[in-house]
């Protein structure tokens, strides 16, 4: 029997099914678009995904509905963003505190105001992580930019890991801020920082693996990729020296259904002893659950 048959899961990128909240969050990308089609997308990287989950008709208890979806796939906990455009995260905190933990998305352009916001939210929610989308900030903020250093220092001070998008972004915006080589200097300068690479690192996934070998607190999560598209270099690394460094993250309901993710997952050639770490144990340790 595989670990997938009943083993516990922690999802490091999960969204609550709130069209209002998602639409408001996506508005921040639109000033960066230059092409007409992107401005008309309902979802920033819509051209890349098929069969995006339909969340328009899920009833009058969307958070309860989301928990039922988690139960179907043994997702014990999910990391969700504090979405200040919506009340859903408050419902999740108040009704399902044992199922959700929170990350705070930061725009480093805000400087110390964003740090103060982070500190305030850590007191209000079970915040276990910080996240930044360098190519999605307006203006964009490279991974190794001086504006990011304020956020990195705050993460160390609060003992929070930071999830940062790396690699070519899905939305049609310039990629330079997310070149994987930029991670090197950050990990060198902040050896205490727990840095998690998000969204694939492609086409520099081999470099991402090399850097994980180099730095003890550098990790990788599989967010926004259907499992059949996980980079082969990352699977090979998880099966050999990187079993403690690679972690599962989905993309529900933004771009992938849980049915699609966990159907595909059975075909990924992870070693059976790697699956408990990939799906559960590494995230539990990183988030201190």
Foldseek 3Di string as FASTA:
>chain_A
DFCQVQPAFEAAEAEFLDLQLLQVVCVLQQVQDDDPVCNPDSAQLVVVFDCQDDSPDDDDCRVVVVVVLCVVRNHQAYEYEPRPSDCVVVVCCVPPVRHYAYEYEAQLVVPVVRLVVVVVVVVVGNYAAYEYEQQSHVVGDAPQHPSCVSVQVSCLVVVHAYEYEAAADSGPGDRVSRQPVSVQVVCVVCLSHQYEYEDQNPPCVLVLLVVCVVHVRYAYEDEPDQLVPHDPNVLVCCQPVCLLGYAYHYHPNSGDRPVRNSVSVVVRPHDSVSVCNHGPVNVCVSSVD
